[in-house]
């Protein structure tokens, strides 16, 4: 599947997710982070190695939590998928360890910058 990534913040968040799960689980596996309304973590689900969740499992997790982040690795480093729903920029800033800069919203392929943080988003790498 071709990449749909266009903005720097997408790449930064994807890189964070790859590094985070590798540090946490020892390898690149899918993970789902459920957040409370106040931005604190409620639950982290980690898929078994080489056994990603199917669409029904992902939908079930998403339906159970109003705010969430999903990382699904591809078959090679730098490839995969991230998606989030109602994820405030404050959480993304905390995970990245820095503020979101205007440059993060610039399109890497040229074109118009994104005007604001997308609370819900899907991107393939």
N, C-alpha and C. Protein backbone atom coordinates (compact mmCIF):
# COMPACT_ATOMS: atom_id res chain seq x y z
N UNK A 1 0.85 -1.17 0.00
CA UNK A 1 0.00 0.00 0.00
C UNK A 1 0.89 1.24 0.00
N UNK A 2 0.62 2.21 -0.86
CA UNK A 2 1.43 3.42 -0.90
C UNK A 2 1.22 4.27 0.35
N UNK A 3 2.23 5.03 0.67
CA UNK A 3 2.17 5.90 1.84
C UNK A 3 1.17 7.04 1.61
N UNK A 4 0.45 7.37 2.68
CA UNK A 4 -0.45 8.53 2.65
C UNK A 4 0.11 9.67 3.50
N UNK A 5 1.31 9.47 4.05
CA UNK A 5 1.92 10.48 4.93
C UNK A 5 2.24 11.74 4.13
N UNK A 6 1.88 12.88 4.72
CA UNK A 6 2.12 14.17 4.06
C UNK A 6 2.80 15.18 4.96
N UNK A 7 2.60 15.07 6.28
CA UNK A 7 3.05 16.12 7.19
C UNK A 7 4.11 15.61 8.16
N UNK A 8 4.95 16.53 8.60
CA UNK A 8 6.05 16.16 9.50
C UNK A 8 5.55 15.56 10.81
N UNK A 9 4.44 16.06 11.35
CA UNK A 9 3.95 15.51 12.62
C UNK A 9 3.59 14.03 12.48
N UNK A 10 3.15 13.61 11.29
CA UNK A 10 2.82 12.20 11.08
C UNK A 10 4.09 11.35 11.21
N UNK A 11 5.16 11.79 10.58
CA UNK A 11 6.42 11.06 10.64
C UNK A 11 6.97 11.04 12.06
N UNK A 12 6.89 12.15 12.75
CA UNK A 12 7.40 12.22 14.12
C UNK A 12 6.62 11.28 15.04
N UNK A 13 5.31 11.25 14.90
CA UNK A 13 4.50 10.38 15.75
C UNK A 13 4.70 8.91 15.39
N UNK A 14 4.85 8.61 14.11
CA UNK A 14 5.14 7.23 13.70
C UNK A 14 6.48 6.77 14.25
N UNK A 15 7.50 7.61 14.13
CA UNK A 15 8.83 7.26 14.66
C UNK A 15 8.76 7.05 16.17
N UNK A 16 8.02 7.92 16.88
CA UNK A 16 7.85 7.73 18.32
C UNK A 16 7.21 6.38 18.59
N UNK A 17 6.14 6.03 17.87
CA UNK A 17 5.43 4.77 18.11
C UNK A 17 6.33 3.57 17.87
N UNK A 18 7.10 3.59 16.78
CA UNK A 18 8.03 2.48 16.51
C UNK A 18 9.05 2.33 17.63
N UNK A 19 9.64 3.43 18.05
CA UNK A 19 10.65 3.37 19.12
C UNK A 19 10.02 2.98 20.45
N UNK A 20 8.85 3.54 20.74
CA UNK A 20 8.18 3.27 22.01
C UNK A 20 7.87 1.78 22.18
N UNK A 21 7.27 1.17 21.17
CA UNK A 21 6.90 -0.24 21.33
C UNK A 21 8.12 -1.14 21.29
N UNK A 22 9.13 -0.76 20.54
CA UNK A 22 10.37 -1.56 20.53
C UNK A 22 11.01 -1.53 21.92
N UNK A 23 11.01 -0.36 22.57
CA UNK A 23 11.55 -0.26 23.93
C UNK A 23 10.68 -0.99 24.95
N UNK A 24 9.38 -0.94 24.76
CA UNK A 24 8.44 -1.55 25.70
C UNK A 24 8.35 -3.06 25.54
N UNK A 25 8.23 -3.52 24.30
CA UNK A 25 7.98 -4.95 24.04
C UNK A 25 9.18 -5.70 23.48
N UNK A 26 10.23 -4.99 23.10
CA UNK A 26 11.41 -5.66 22.57
C UNK A 26 11.38 -5.87 21.07
N UNK A 27 10.28 -5.54 20.44
CA UNK A 27 10.16 -5.67 18.98
C UNK A 27 8.99 -4.82 18.50
N UNK A 28 8.88 -4.71 17.20
CA UNK A 28 7.79 -3.93 16.59
C UNK A 28 6.53 -4.77 16.55
N UNK A 29 5.58 -4.44 17.40
CA UNK A 29 4.28 -5.09 17.40
C UNK A 29 3.20 -4.01 17.48
N UNK A 30 2.00 -4.39 17.11
CA UNK A 30 0.89 -3.44 17.17
C UNK A 30 0.57 -3.10 18.62
N UNK A 31 0.18 -1.83 18.84
CA UNK A 31 -0.30 -1.46 20.16
C UNK A 31 -1.39 -0.41 20.05
N UNK A 32 -2.24 -0.39 21.05
CA UNK A 32 -3.40 0.48 21.11
C UNK A 32 -3.38 1.15 22.47
N UNK A 33 -3.44 2.47 22.50
CA UNK A 33 -3.44 3.23 23.75
C UNK A 33 -4.81 3.86 23.92
N UNK A 34 -5.48 3.54 25.00
CA UNK A 34 -6.78 4.14 25.34
C UNK A 34 -6.53 5.23 26.37
N UNK A 35 -7.14 6.40 26.16
CA UNK A 35 -6.95 7.55 27.05
C UNK A 35 -8.27 7.95 27.69
N UNK A 36 -8.15 8.48 28.88
CA UNK A 36 -9.32 9.07 29.56
C UNK A 36 -9.57 10.47 29.02
N UNK A 37 -10.69 11.04 29.39
CA UNK A 37 -11.04 12.40 28.95
C UNK A 37 -9.99 13.42 29.37
N UNK A 38 -9.36 13.22 30.53
CA UNK A 38 -8.38 14.20 31.02
C UNK A 38 -6.99 14.00 30.40
N UNK A 39 -6.85 13.05 29.50
CA UNK A 39 -5.58 12.83 28.82
C UNK A 39 -4.67 11.83 29.48
N UNK A 40 -5.06 11.27 30.61
CA UNK A 40 -4.24 10.24 31.23
C UNK A 40 -4.51 8.90 30.55
N UNK A 41 -3.55 8.01 30.67
CA UNK A 41 -3.70 6.70 30.04
C UNK A 41 -4.66 5.82 30.83
N UNK A 42 -5.52 5.16 30.11
CA UNK A 42 -6.45 4.22 30.73
C UNK A 42 -5.96 2.80 30.57
N UNK A 43 -5.53 2.46 29.36
CA UNK A 43 -5.15 1.09 29.08
C UNK A 43 -4.25 1.05 27.85
N UNK A 44 -3.29 0.13 27.86
CA UNK A 44 -2.46 -0.12 26.67
C UNK A 44 -2.62 -1.59 26.31
N UNK A 45 -3.02 -1.84 25.10
CA UNK A 45 -3.13 -3.19 24.57
C UNK A 45 -1.94 -3.42 23.65
N UNK A 46 -1.28 -4.55 23.78
CA UNK A 46 -0.15 -4.89 22.92
C UNK A 46 -0.45 -6.22 22.25
N UNK A 47 -0.35 -6.26 20.94
CA UNK A 47 -0.63 -7.48 20.18
C UNK A 47 0.50 -8.49 20.37
N UNK A 48 0.17 -9.74 20.22
CA UNK A 48 1.18 -10.79 20.26
C UNK A 48 2.07 -10.64 19.02
N UNK A 49 3.37 -10.93 19.17
CA UNK A 49 4.27 -10.84 18.01
C UNK A 49 3.76 -11.69 16.84
N UNK A 50 3.84 -11.14 15.66
CA UNK A 50 3.45 -11.81 14.41
C UNK A 50 1.98 -12.19 14.38
N UNK A 51 1.18 -11.53 15.21
CA UNK A 51 -0.25 -11.81 15.25
C UNK A 51 -1.02 -10.51 15.44
N UNK A 52 -1.03 -9.66 14.42
CA UNK A 52 -1.74 -8.38 14.58
C UNK A 52 -3.24 -8.61 14.73
N UNK A 53 -3.89 -7.62 15.27
CA UNK A 53 -5.33 -7.72 15.46
C UNK A 53 -6.05 -7.67 14.12
N UNK A 54 -7.18 -8.34 14.05
CA UNK A 54 -8.00 -8.22 12.85
C UNK A 54 -8.90 -7.00 12.97
N UNK A 55 -9.63 -6.70 11.94
CA UNK A 55 -10.46 -5.50 11.91
C UNK A 55 -11.51 -5.50 13.02
N UNK A 56 -12.09 -6.66 13.32
CA UNK A 56 -13.09 -6.73 14.38
C UNK A 56 -12.49 -6.42 15.75
N UNK A 57 -11.29 -6.92 16.01
CA UNK A 57 -10.63 -6.65 17.29
C UNK A 57 -10.31 -5.17 17.44
N UNK A 58 -9.80 -4.56 16.38
CA UNK A 58 -9.48 -3.13 16.42
C UNK A 58 -10.76 -2.31 16.61
N UNK A 59 -11.81 -2.67 15.91
CA UNK A 59 -13.07 -1.95 16.05
C UNK A 59 -13.63 -2.08 17.47
N UNK A 60 -13.47 -3.24 18.06
CA UNK A 60 -13.95 -3.45 19.43
C UNK A 60 -13.21 -2.56 20.42
N UNK A 61 -11.90 -2.47 20.28
CA UNK A 61 -11.12 -1.60 21.16
C UNK A 61 -11.51 -0.14 20.96
N UNK A 62 -11.64 0.27 19.71
CA UNK A 62 -12.00 1.66 19.41
C UNK A 62 -13.40 1.99 19.94
N UNK A 63 -14.32 1.06 19.83
CA UNK A 63 -15.69 1.29 20.32
C UNK A 63 -15.73 1.40 21.83
N UNK A 64 -14.80 0.74 22.52
CA UNK A 64 -14.80 0.73 23.98
C UNK A 64 -14.16 1.97 24.59
N UNK A 65 -13.45 2.75 23.79
CA UNK A 65 -12.70 3.90 24.32
C UNK A 65 -12.91 5.11 23.41
N UNK A 66 -13.33 6.25 23.96
CA UNK A 66 -13.58 7.43 23.13
C UNK A 66 -12.32 8.12 22.60
N UNK A 67 -11.19 7.97 23.31
CA UNK A 67 -9.93 8.58 22.88
C UNK A 67 -8.88 7.48 22.79
N UNK A 68 -8.22 7.41 21.64
CA UNK A 68 -7.25 6.33 21.48
C UNK A 68 -6.23 6.63 20.38
N UNK A 69 -5.15 5.82 20.41
CA UNK A 69 -4.09 5.85 19.42
C UNK A 69 -3.75 4.41 19.06
N UNK A 70 -3.55 4.15 17.77
CA UNK A 70 -3.23 2.80 17.29
C UNK A 70 -1.98 2.84 16.43
N UNK A 71 -1.08 1.90 16.67
CA UNK A 71 0.11 1.70 15.83
C UNK A 71 0.10 0.26 15.35
N UNK A 72 0.23 0.07 14.04
CA UNK A 72 0.34 -1.27 13.46
C UNK A 72 1.59 -1.25 12.58
N UNK A 73 2.62 -2.03 12.93
CA UNK A 73 3.84 -2.02 12.12
C UNK A 73 3.64 -2.74 10.80
N UNK A 74 4.41 -2.31 9.81
CA UNK A 74 4.43 -3.01 8.54
C UNK A 74 5.44 -4.15 8.60
N UNK A 75 5.68 -4.77 7.48
CA UNK A 75 6.60 -5.91 7.45
C UNK A 75 8.07 -5.49 7.47
N UNK A 76 8.34 -4.21 7.29
CA UNK A 76 9.72 -3.73 7.35
C UNK A 76 9.77 -2.42 8.15
N UNK A 77 10.91 -2.10 8.75
CA UNK A 77 11.04 -0.86 9.52
C UNK A 77 10.67 0.35 8.66
N UNK A 78 10.01 1.30 9.29
CA UNK A 78 9.61 2.51 8.58
C UNK A 78 8.30 2.37 7.82
N UNK A 79 7.72 1.19 7.85
CA UNK A 79 6.43 0.95 7.19
C UNK A 79 5.40 0.59 8.26
N UNK A 80 4.16 0.98 8.05
CA UNK A 80 3.12 0.65 8.99
C UNK A 80 1.96 1.62 8.90
N UNK A 81 1.27 1.74 10.02
CA UNK A 81 0.01 2.45 10.03
C UNK A 81 -0.20 3.05 11.41
N UNK A 82 -0.63 4.30 11.46
CA UNK A 82 -1.06 4.89 12.73
C UNK A 82 -2.44 5.52 12.52
N UNK A 83 -3.19 5.50 13.59
CA UNK A 83 -4.52 6.10 13.55
C UNK A 83 -4.84 6.58 14.96
N UNK A 84 -5.60 7.66 15.06
CA UNK A 84 -6.05 8.08 16.37
C UNK A 84 -7.43 8.70 16.27
N UNK A 85 -8.10 8.73 17.41
CA UNK A 85 -9.44 9.29 17.50
C UNK A 85 -9.54 10.14 18.76
N UNK A 86 -9.90 11.40 18.58
CA UNK A 86 -10.08 12.34 19.69
C UNK A 86 -8.83 12.43 20.58
N UNK A 87 -7.68 12.35 19.97
CA UNK A 87 -6.42 12.44 20.70
C UNK A 87 -5.99 13.91 20.73
N UNK A 88 -5.98 14.54 21.89
CA UNK A 88 -5.59 15.95 21.95
C UNK A 88 -4.11 16.13 21.64
N UNK A 89 -3.79 17.29 21.12
CA UNK A 89 -2.40 17.61 20.81
C UNK A 89 -1.54 17.57 22.08
N UNK A 90 -2.13 17.83 23.23
CA UNK A 90 -1.35 17.81 24.48
C UNK A 90 -0.77 16.42 24.74
N UNK A 91 -1.49 15.38 24.39
CA UNK A 91 -0.98 14.01 24.56
C UNK A 91 0.16 13.76 23.57
N UNK A 92 -0.03 14.14 22.32
CA UNK A 92 1.02 13.96 21.32
C UNK A 92 2.28 14.72 21.72
N UNK A 93 2.12 15.94 22.22
CA UNK A 93 3.29 16.71 22.69
C UNK A 93 4.00 15.99 23.81
N UNK A 94 3.25 15.45 24.74
CA UNK A 94 3.86 14.73 25.87
C UNK A 94 4.63 13.51 25.37
N UNK A 95 4.05 12.75 24.47
CA UNK A 95 4.72 11.57 23.94
C UNK A 95 6.00 11.94 23.18
N UNK A 96 5.93 13.01 22.40
CA UNK A 96 7.09 13.43 21.61
C UNK A 96 8.14 14.15 22.46
N UNK A 97 7.71 14.63 23.63
CA UNK A 97 8.64 15.33 24.51
C UNK A 97 8.97 16.74 24.07
N UNK A 98 8.09 17.33 23.28
CA UNK A 98 8.33 18.68 22.79
C UNK A 98 7.04 19.26 22.23
N UNK A 99 6.98 20.58 22.08
CA UNK A 99 5.76 21.19 21.51
C UNK A 99 5.64 20.89 20.02
N UNK A 100 4.46 21.03 19.51
CA UNK A 100 4.25 20.97 18.05
C UNK A 100 4.62 22.34 17.49
N UNK A 101 5.48 22.35 16.53
CA UNK A 101 5.94 23.59 15.90
C UNK A 101 5.20 23.81 14.59
N UNK A 102 5.21 25.03 14.11
CA UNK A 102 4.59 25.31 12.80
C UNK A 102 5.17 24.40 11.72
N UNK A 103 6.47 24.13 11.82
CA UNK A 103 7.12 23.27 10.82
C UNK A 103 6.55 21.86 10.81
N UNK A 104 6.01 21.39 11.94
CA UNK A 104 5.43 20.05 12.00
C UNK A 104 4.18 19.93 11.14
N UNK A 105 3.54 21.03 10.83
CA UNK A 105 2.32 21.02 10.05
C UNK A 105 2.55 21.33 8.57
N UNK A 106 3.83 21.45 8.19
CA UNK A 106 4.19 21.66 6.80
C UNK A 106 4.09 20.33 6.04
N UNK A 107 3.61 20.40 4.83
CA UNK A 107 3.57 19.21 3.97
C UNK A 107 4.98 18.92 3.46
N UNK A 108 5.44 17.70 3.64
CA UNK A 108 6.80 17.35 3.21
C UNK A 108 6.89 17.23 1.70
N UNK A 109 5.76 17.05 1.05
CA UNK A 109 5.75 16.93 -0.41
C UNK A 109 5.38 18.24 -1.08
N UNK A 110 5.33 19.31 -0.32
CA UNK A 110 4.92 20.60 -0.85
C UNK A 110 3.42 20.77 -0.67
N UNK A 111 2.97 21.93 -0.93
CA UNK A 111 1.55 22.19 -0.77
C UNK A 111 1.26 22.96 0.51
N UNK A 112 0.01 23.14 0.76
CA UNK A 112 -0.44 23.94 1.90
C UNK A 112 -0.20 23.23 3.23
N UNK A 113 0.22 23.99 4.24
CA UNK A 113 0.35 23.38 5.56
C UNK A 113 -1.03 23.11 6.16
N UNK A 114 -1.06 22.18 7.07
CA UNK A 114 -2.29 21.90 7.82
C UNK A 114 -2.44 23.02 8.84
N UNK A 115 -3.62 23.51 9.03
CA UNK A 115 -3.85 24.66 9.88
C UNK A 115 -3.96 24.35 11.37
N UNK A 116 -4.24 23.10 11.72
CA UNK A 116 -4.42 22.75 13.13
C UNK A 116 -4.19 21.25 13.33
N UNK A 117 -4.01 20.87 14.59
CA UNK A 117 -3.84 19.47 14.95
C UNK A 117 -5.14 18.71 14.66
N UNK A 118 -5.06 17.60 13.95
CA UNK A 118 -6.26 16.80 13.69
C UNK A 118 -6.59 15.89 14.88
N UNK A 119 -7.70 16.07 15.49
CA UNK A 119 -8.07 15.25 16.64
C UNK A 119 -8.24 13.77 16.26
N UNK A 120 -8.64 13.53 15.03
CA UNK A 120 -8.79 12.16 14.54
C UNK A 120 -8.08 12.08 13.20
N UNK A 121 -7.33 10.97 12.98
CA UNK A 121 -6.44 10.93 11.81
C UNK A 121 -6.05 9.51 11.49
N UNK A 122 -5.77 9.24 10.22
CA UNK A 122 -5.30 7.93 9.77
C UNK A 122 -4.20 8.17 8.75
N UNK A 123 -3.10 7.44 8.87
CA UNK A 123 -2.01 7.57 7.90
C UNK A 123 -1.27 6.24 7.77
N UNK A 124 -0.89 5.93 6.54
CA UNK A 124 -0.13 4.73 6.21
C UNK A 124 1.26 5.13 5.78
N UNK A 125 2.26 4.38 6.21
CA UNK A 125 3.67 4.65 5.85
C UNK A 125 4.22 3.52 5.04
